[in-house]
N, C-alpha and C. Protein backbone atom coordinates (compact mmCIF):
# COMPACT_ATOMS: atom_id res chain seq x y z
N MET A 1 2.88 -22.99 -19.68
CA MET A 1 1.96 -22.59 -18.63
C MET A 1 2.13 -23.54 -17.46
N VAL A 2 2.24 -22.97 -16.25
CA VAL A 2 2.32 -23.76 -15.04
C VAL A 2 0.97 -23.66 -14.35
N GLU A 3 0.30 -24.77 -14.13
CA GLU A 3 -1.00 -24.75 -13.47
C GLU A 3 -0.82 -25.10 -12.00
N HIS A 4 -1.64 -24.48 -11.17
CA HIS A 4 -1.56 -24.67 -9.74
C HIS A 4 -2.88 -25.23 -9.24
N PRO A 5 -2.87 -25.99 -8.16
CA PRO A 5 -4.12 -26.52 -7.62
C PRO A 5 -4.97 -25.42 -7.01
N PRO A 6 -6.29 -25.61 -6.95
CA PRO A 6 -7.15 -24.61 -6.35
C PRO A 6 -6.99 -24.58 -4.84
N VAL A 7 -7.49 -23.54 -4.22
CA VAL A 7 -7.61 -23.35 -2.78
C VAL A 7 -6.29 -23.21 -2.05
N GLU A 8 -5.64 -24.29 -1.62
CA GLU A 8 -4.46 -24.24 -0.78
C GLU A 8 -3.38 -23.37 -1.37
N GLY A 9 -3.05 -22.28 -0.72
CA GLY A 9 -1.95 -21.44 -1.12
C GLY A 9 -2.13 -20.72 -2.44
N LEU A 10 -3.37 -20.59 -2.89
CA LEU A 10 -3.61 -19.99 -4.19
C LEU A 10 -3.02 -18.59 -4.30
N LEU A 11 -3.13 -17.83 -3.24
CA LEU A 11 -2.59 -16.47 -3.26
C LEU A 11 -1.44 -16.30 -2.28
N GLY A 12 -0.82 -17.37 -1.86
CA GLY A 12 0.36 -17.28 -1.01
C GLY A 12 0.04 -16.74 0.37
N ASP A 13 0.92 -15.89 0.88
CA ASP A 13 0.81 -15.40 2.25
C ASP A 13 -0.13 -14.22 2.43
N CYS A 14 -0.83 -13.78 1.40
CA CYS A 14 -1.66 -12.59 1.56
C CYS A 14 -3.00 -12.90 2.22
N VAL A 15 -3.23 -14.14 2.66
CA VAL A 15 -4.48 -14.50 3.28
C VAL A 15 -4.22 -15.30 4.57
N SER A 16 -4.96 -15.00 5.63
CA SER A 16 -4.85 -15.78 6.85
C SER A 16 -6.08 -16.67 7.01
N LEU A 17 -6.06 -17.62 7.97
CA LEU A 17 -7.13 -18.61 8.09
C LEU A 17 -7.84 -18.54 9.44
N ALA A 18 -9.17 -18.66 9.45
CA ALA A 18 -9.98 -18.83 10.65
C ALA A 18 -11.10 -17.81 10.77
N GLU A 19 -12.21 -18.01 10.14
CA GLU A 19 -13.36 -17.12 10.18
C GLU A 19 -14.58 -17.90 10.60
N HIS A 20 -15.64 -17.20 10.95
CA HIS A 20 -16.88 -17.88 11.31
C HIS A 20 -17.54 -18.50 10.09
N ARG A 21 -17.17 -18.09 8.89
CA ARG A 21 -17.66 -18.74 7.68
C ARG A 21 -16.71 -19.87 7.34
N GLN A 22 -16.59 -20.24 6.07
CA GLN A 22 -15.69 -21.32 5.70
C GLN A 22 -14.24 -20.95 5.87
N GLN A 23 -13.86 -19.76 5.46
CA GLN A 23 -12.48 -19.30 5.56
C GLN A 23 -12.48 -17.84 5.97
N GLU A 24 -11.47 -17.43 6.72
CA GLU A 24 -11.34 -16.03 7.10
C GLU A 24 -11.08 -15.20 5.86
N ARG A 25 -11.65 -14.04 5.84
CA ARG A 25 -11.44 -13.12 4.74
C ARG A 25 -10.50 -12.02 5.19
N ARG A 26 -9.58 -11.68 4.33
CA ARG A 26 -8.65 -10.57 4.58
C ARG A 26 -9.16 -9.37 3.82
N GLU A 27 -9.37 -8.27 4.52
CA GLU A 27 -9.81 -7.04 3.87
C GLU A 27 -8.66 -6.49 3.04
N VAL A 28 -8.93 -6.15 1.80
CA VAL A 28 -7.94 -5.59 0.89
C VAL A 28 -8.60 -4.47 0.08
N SER A 29 -7.80 -3.77 -0.66
CA SER A 29 -8.31 -2.78 -1.59
C SER A 29 -7.47 -2.89 -2.86
N LEU A 30 -7.96 -3.67 -3.81
CA LEU A 30 -7.25 -3.92 -5.06
C LEU A 30 -8.16 -3.65 -6.25
N LYS A 31 -7.66 -2.95 -7.22
CA LYS A 31 -8.40 -2.79 -8.47
C LYS A 31 -7.77 -3.77 -9.44
N LEU A 32 -8.52 -4.81 -9.83
CA LEU A 32 -7.99 -5.86 -10.68
C LEU A 32 -8.80 -6.00 -11.96
N PRO A 33 -8.11 -6.31 -13.07
CA PRO A 33 -8.82 -6.57 -14.32
C PRO A 33 -9.34 -8.01 -14.36
N LEU A 34 -10.51 -8.19 -14.95
CA LEU A 34 -11.02 -9.55 -15.13
C LEU A 34 -11.71 -9.65 -16.48
N SER A 35 -11.77 -10.88 -16.96
CA SER A 35 -12.46 -11.19 -18.21
C SER A 35 -13.60 -12.13 -17.89
N ILE A 36 -14.74 -11.89 -18.52
CA ILE A 36 -15.88 -12.79 -18.39
C ILE A 36 -15.71 -13.82 -19.50
N LEU A 37 -15.56 -15.07 -19.11
CA LEU A 37 -15.27 -16.13 -20.08
C LEU A 37 -16.55 -16.70 -20.67
N GLY A 38 -16.46 -17.18 -21.89
CA GLY A 38 -17.59 -17.84 -22.53
C GLY A 38 -18.49 -16.92 -23.32
N ALA A 39 -18.33 -15.62 -23.14
CA ALA A 39 -19.14 -14.66 -23.91
C ALA A 39 -18.22 -13.97 -24.91
N PRO A 40 -18.54 -14.04 -26.18
CA PRO A 40 -17.66 -13.44 -27.19
C PRO A 40 -17.61 -11.92 -27.10
N ASN A 41 -16.46 -11.36 -27.47
CA ASN A 41 -16.25 -9.92 -27.56
C ASN A 41 -16.52 -9.16 -26.26
N GLN A 42 -16.23 -9.78 -25.13
CA GLN A 42 -16.36 -9.10 -23.85
C GLN A 42 -15.03 -8.46 -23.50
N PRO A 43 -14.97 -7.14 -23.35
CA PRO A 43 -13.71 -6.50 -22.99
C PRO A 43 -13.35 -6.79 -21.53
N GLU A 44 -12.08 -6.72 -21.23
CA GLU A 44 -11.63 -6.87 -19.84
C GLU A 44 -12.17 -5.65 -19.07
N ILE A 45 -12.64 -5.90 -17.85
CA ILE A 45 -13.14 -4.80 -17.02
C ILE A 45 -12.37 -4.78 -15.71
N LYS A 46 -12.36 -3.64 -15.04
CA LYS A 46 -11.70 -3.51 -13.74
C LYS A 46 -12.76 -3.56 -12.66
N VAL A 47 -12.44 -4.30 -11.60
CA VAL A 47 -13.35 -4.40 -10.46
C VAL A 47 -12.56 -4.04 -9.20
N GLN A 48 -13.29 -3.66 -8.15
CA GLN A 48 -12.68 -3.31 -6.87
C GLN A 48 -12.80 -4.51 -5.93
N VAL A 49 -11.70 -5.21 -5.71
CA VAL A 49 -11.68 -6.36 -4.80
C VAL A 49 -11.55 -5.82 -3.37
N HIS A 50 -12.44 -6.26 -2.47
CA HIS A 50 -12.38 -5.76 -1.11
C HIS A 50 -12.09 -6.84 -0.07
N ASN A 51 -12.18 -8.12 -0.46
CA ASN A 51 -11.74 -9.16 0.47
C ASN A 51 -11.28 -10.40 -0.28
N LEU A 52 -10.36 -11.11 0.35
CA LEU A 52 -9.79 -12.34 -0.20
C LEU A 52 -9.75 -13.39 0.89
N SER A 53 -9.91 -14.63 0.50
CA SER A 53 -9.67 -15.77 1.38
C SER A 53 -8.92 -16.81 0.55
N THR A 54 -8.63 -17.93 1.13
CA THR A 54 -7.95 -18.98 0.36
C THR A 54 -8.90 -19.62 -0.66
N ARG A 55 -10.20 -19.40 -0.52
CA ARG A 55 -11.18 -20.02 -1.41
C ARG A 55 -11.85 -19.09 -2.40
N GLY A 56 -11.72 -17.79 -2.19
CA GLY A 56 -12.41 -16.89 -3.10
C GLY A 56 -12.17 -15.43 -2.78
N MET A 57 -13.00 -14.59 -3.40
CA MET A 57 -12.86 -13.16 -3.21
C MET A 57 -14.21 -12.48 -3.33
N GLY A 58 -14.30 -11.30 -2.71
CA GLY A 58 -15.48 -10.46 -2.83
C GLY A 58 -15.07 -9.19 -3.55
N PHE A 59 -15.89 -8.74 -4.48
CA PHE A 59 -15.56 -7.52 -5.20
C PHE A 59 -16.81 -6.74 -5.54
N ARG A 60 -16.60 -5.47 -5.88
CA ARG A 60 -17.68 -4.59 -6.30
C ARG A 60 -17.49 -4.25 -7.77
N ALA A 61 -18.60 -4.13 -8.46
CA ALA A 61 -18.56 -3.80 -9.88
C ALA A 61 -19.77 -2.95 -10.22
N ARG A 62 -19.71 -2.32 -11.36
CA ARG A 62 -20.81 -1.48 -11.83
C ARG A 62 -21.80 -2.25 -12.69
N ARG A 63 -21.67 -3.56 -12.70
CA ARG A 63 -22.58 -4.41 -13.48
C ARG A 63 -22.87 -5.67 -12.69
N ASP A 64 -23.96 -6.31 -13.02
CA ASP A 64 -24.35 -7.57 -12.40
C ASP A 64 -23.61 -8.71 -13.09
N PHE A 65 -23.41 -9.81 -12.38
CA PHE A 65 -22.77 -11.00 -12.94
C PHE A 65 -23.72 -12.17 -12.76
N THR A 66 -23.78 -13.02 -13.76
CA THR A 66 -24.61 -14.22 -13.72
C THR A 66 -24.01 -15.23 -12.76
N ILE A 67 -24.86 -15.82 -11.92
CA ILE A 67 -24.41 -16.87 -11.02
C ILE A 67 -23.85 -18.02 -11.87
N ALA A 68 -22.74 -18.58 -11.48
CA ALA A 68 -22.03 -19.67 -12.15
C ALA A 68 -21.17 -19.21 -13.33
N ALA A 69 -21.18 -17.89 -13.63
CA ALA A 69 -20.31 -17.39 -14.71
C ALA A 69 -18.84 -17.61 -14.32
N HIS A 70 -18.02 -17.87 -15.31
CA HIS A 70 -16.58 -18.06 -15.10
C HIS A 70 -15.85 -16.77 -15.43
N LEU A 71 -14.92 -16.40 -14.57
CA LEU A 71 -14.15 -15.18 -14.71
C LEU A 71 -12.66 -15.51 -14.66
N ALA A 72 -11.87 -14.79 -15.42
CA ALA A 72 -10.41 -14.89 -15.35
C ALA A 72 -9.91 -13.58 -14.75
N VAL A 73 -9.31 -13.65 -13.57
CA VAL A 73 -8.84 -12.46 -12.86
C VAL A 73 -7.32 -12.40 -12.97
N ARG A 74 -6.81 -11.24 -13.37
CA ARG A 74 -5.36 -11.04 -13.50
C ARG A 74 -4.83 -10.34 -12.26
N PHE A 75 -3.93 -11.02 -11.55
CA PHE A 75 -3.25 -10.40 -10.41
C PHE A 75 -1.97 -9.75 -10.92
N PRO A 76 -1.43 -8.78 -10.20
CA PRO A 76 -0.24 -8.06 -10.69
C PRO A 76 0.91 -9.00 -11.06
N ALA A 77 1.57 -8.66 -12.16
CA ALA A 77 2.72 -9.45 -12.63
C ALA A 77 3.92 -9.22 -11.72
N ILE A 78 4.67 -10.29 -11.47
CA ILE A 78 5.91 -10.23 -10.70
C ILE A 78 7.00 -10.85 -11.55
N MET A 79 8.04 -10.07 -11.82
CA MET A 79 9.17 -10.56 -12.61
C MET A 79 8.70 -11.20 -13.92
N ASP A 80 7.87 -10.49 -14.66
CA ASP A 80 7.38 -10.91 -15.98
C ASP A 80 6.52 -12.17 -15.94
N ARG A 81 6.02 -12.55 -14.79
CA ARG A 81 5.11 -13.69 -14.68
C ARG A 81 3.79 -13.18 -14.14
N GLN A 82 2.70 -13.62 -14.76
CA GLN A 82 1.35 -13.18 -14.43
C GLN A 82 0.60 -14.30 -13.73
N ARG A 83 -0.04 -14.00 -12.60
CA ARG A 83 -0.91 -14.97 -11.94
C ARG A 83 -2.32 -14.71 -12.44
N LEU A 84 -2.88 -15.69 -13.11
CA LEU A 84 -4.23 -15.63 -13.64
C LEU A 84 -5.06 -16.63 -12.85
N VAL A 85 -6.21 -16.20 -12.34
CA VAL A 85 -7.04 -17.06 -11.50
C VAL A 85 -8.42 -17.23 -12.12
N LEU A 86 -8.82 -18.48 -12.30
CA LEU A 86 -10.15 -18.81 -12.78
C LEU A 86 -11.09 -18.83 -11.59
N CYS A 87 -12.18 -18.07 -11.68
CA CYS A 87 -13.17 -18.00 -10.60
C CYS A 87 -14.55 -18.31 -11.15
N GLN A 88 -15.43 -18.71 -10.23
CA GLN A 88 -16.83 -18.91 -10.60
C GLN A 88 -17.70 -18.07 -9.67
N VAL A 89 -18.61 -17.30 -10.24
CA VAL A 89 -19.48 -16.42 -9.46
C VAL A 89 -20.44 -17.27 -8.63
N LYS A 90 -20.49 -16.98 -7.33
CA LYS A 90 -21.39 -17.70 -6.42
C LYS A 90 -22.58 -16.87 -6.00
N HIS A 91 -22.40 -15.55 -5.91
CA HIS A 91 -23.55 -14.68 -5.61
C HIS A 91 -23.29 -13.29 -6.17
N SER A 92 -24.37 -12.58 -6.45
CA SER A 92 -24.29 -11.22 -6.96
C SER A 92 -25.56 -10.50 -6.51
N ARG A 93 -25.37 -9.34 -5.90
CA ARG A 93 -26.54 -8.59 -5.45
C ARG A 93 -26.29 -7.09 -5.61
N MET A 94 -27.35 -6.37 -5.88
CA MET A 94 -27.23 -4.92 -6.00
C MET A 94 -27.17 -4.33 -4.59
N THR A 95 -26.19 -3.46 -4.34
CA THR A 95 -26.07 -2.80 -3.05
C THR A 95 -26.50 -1.34 -3.11
N ALA A 96 -26.50 -0.79 -4.30
CA ALA A 96 -26.95 0.57 -4.58
C ALA A 96 -27.20 0.64 -6.08
N PRO A 97 -27.95 1.61 -6.55
CA PRO A 97 -28.16 1.71 -7.99
C PRO A 97 -26.82 1.76 -8.73
N GLY A 98 -26.62 0.80 -9.64
CA GLY A 98 -25.41 0.75 -10.43
C GLY A 98 -24.19 0.18 -9.72
N THR A 99 -24.37 -0.40 -8.53
CA THR A 99 -23.27 -1.02 -7.78
C THR A 99 -23.69 -2.41 -7.33
N PHE A 100 -22.83 -3.39 -7.61
CA PHE A 100 -23.12 -4.77 -7.26
C PHE A 100 -22.00 -5.35 -6.42
N GLU A 101 -22.38 -6.20 -5.49
CA GLU A 101 -21.45 -6.94 -4.64
C GLU A 101 -21.43 -8.38 -5.15
N ILE A 102 -20.25 -8.87 -5.50
CA ILE A 102 -20.13 -10.19 -6.09
C ILE A 102 -19.19 -11.04 -5.25
N GLY A 103 -19.55 -12.30 -5.07
CA GLY A 103 -18.69 -13.28 -4.42
C GLY A 103 -18.31 -14.33 -5.44
N ALA A 104 -17.02 -14.62 -5.54
CA ALA A 104 -16.54 -15.60 -6.52
C ALA A 104 -15.61 -16.58 -5.84
N GLU A 105 -15.75 -17.84 -6.22
CA GLU A 105 -14.92 -18.92 -5.67
C GLU A 105 -13.77 -19.22 -6.63
N PHE A 106 -12.58 -19.40 -6.08
CA PHE A 106 -11.43 -19.77 -6.90
C PHE A 106 -11.59 -21.20 -7.38
N VAL A 107 -11.29 -21.43 -8.64
CA VAL A 107 -11.39 -22.76 -9.23
C VAL A 107 -9.99 -23.30 -9.53
N GLU A 108 -9.15 -22.46 -10.10
CA GLU A 108 -7.84 -22.90 -10.57
C GLU A 108 -7.00 -21.66 -10.83
N SER A 109 -5.68 -21.82 -10.84
CA SER A 109 -4.82 -20.69 -11.20
C SER A 109 -3.73 -21.16 -12.15
N ALA A 110 -3.17 -20.19 -12.85
CA ALA A 110 -2.08 -20.48 -13.78
C ALA A 110 -1.08 -19.33 -13.72
N THR A 111 0.19 -19.65 -13.86
CA THR A 111 1.23 -18.64 -13.95
C THR A 111 1.68 -18.59 -15.40
N LEU A 112 1.55 -17.41 -16.00
CA LEU A 112 1.82 -17.24 -17.43
C LEU A 112 2.78 -16.08 -17.63
N ALA A 113 3.30 -15.95 -18.83
CA ALA A 113 4.07 -14.76 -19.18
C ALA A 113 3.13 -13.56 -19.08
N ALA A 114 3.63 -12.43 -18.62
CA ALA A 114 2.81 -11.23 -18.49
C ALA A 114 2.13 -10.91 -19.81
N GLY A 115 0.82 -10.65 -19.76
CA GLY A 115 0.07 -10.31 -20.97
C GLY A 115 -0.40 -11.49 -21.79
N ALA A 116 -0.11 -12.72 -21.35
CA ALA A 116 -0.53 -13.92 -22.10
C ALA A 116 -2.05 -14.06 -22.10
N ALA A 117 -2.55 -14.77 -23.08
CA ALA A 117 -3.99 -15.00 -23.20
C ALA A 117 -4.49 -15.98 -22.14
N VAL A 118 -5.77 -15.90 -21.88
CA VAL A 118 -6.44 -16.84 -20.97
C VAL A 118 -6.32 -18.24 -21.56
N PRO A 119 -6.02 -19.26 -20.74
CA PRO A 119 -5.93 -20.62 -21.29
C PRO A 119 -7.22 -21.02 -22.03
N ALA A 120 -7.06 -21.60 -23.20
CA ALA A 120 -8.20 -21.99 -24.04
C ALA A 120 -9.13 -22.95 -23.31
N ARG A 121 -8.56 -23.82 -22.47
CA ARG A 121 -9.38 -24.78 -21.72
C ARG A 121 -10.36 -24.07 -20.79
N TRP A 122 -9.95 -22.93 -20.22
CA TRP A 122 -10.84 -22.17 -19.35
C TRP A 122 -12.03 -21.61 -20.14
N VAL A 123 -11.76 -21.13 -21.33
CA VAL A 123 -12.82 -20.59 -22.18
C VAL A 123 -13.80 -21.71 -22.55
N GLN A 124 -13.27 -22.87 -22.88
CA GLN A 124 -14.13 -24.02 -23.22
C GLN A 124 -14.98 -24.42 -22.02
N LEU A 125 -14.40 -24.42 -20.83
CA LEU A 125 -15.13 -24.76 -19.61
C LEU A 125 -16.29 -23.78 -19.40
N ALA A 126 -16.05 -22.51 -19.63
CA ALA A 126 -17.08 -21.49 -19.44
C ALA A 126 -18.22 -21.64 -20.43
N ARG A 127 -17.96 -22.20 -21.59
CA ARG A 127 -18.99 -22.36 -22.62
C ARG A 127 -19.85 -23.60 -22.42
N GLN A 128 -19.47 -24.46 -21.50
CA GLN A 128 -20.23 -25.71 -21.26
C GLN A 128 -21.49 -25.45 -20.49
């Protein structure tokens, strides 16, 4: 497993810099799978990511997320290598019945073989 530092260059060139908030957000439309860490027997779910920055992402889901929950987000595999990103939920609010807007901050990333399991250390971190 190759681990990468958080924030700087986490998602490469797909994000630009300079917003009135902390970092500019790039509007995107990605359906990505994520795992909720620290809770046993939680299946991977798909969420609709609508913006990315160098520090985090905004997405919509059909369920609420606990503030401070840790998530493992799988980005598309390239040449049999998977980018897995550890995120922490910073806010979650209902925007319509059964629809939630979630903001998550990037904590760390890892490049793994496609389909590899979430690093055990991330699961332990989520259980603390």
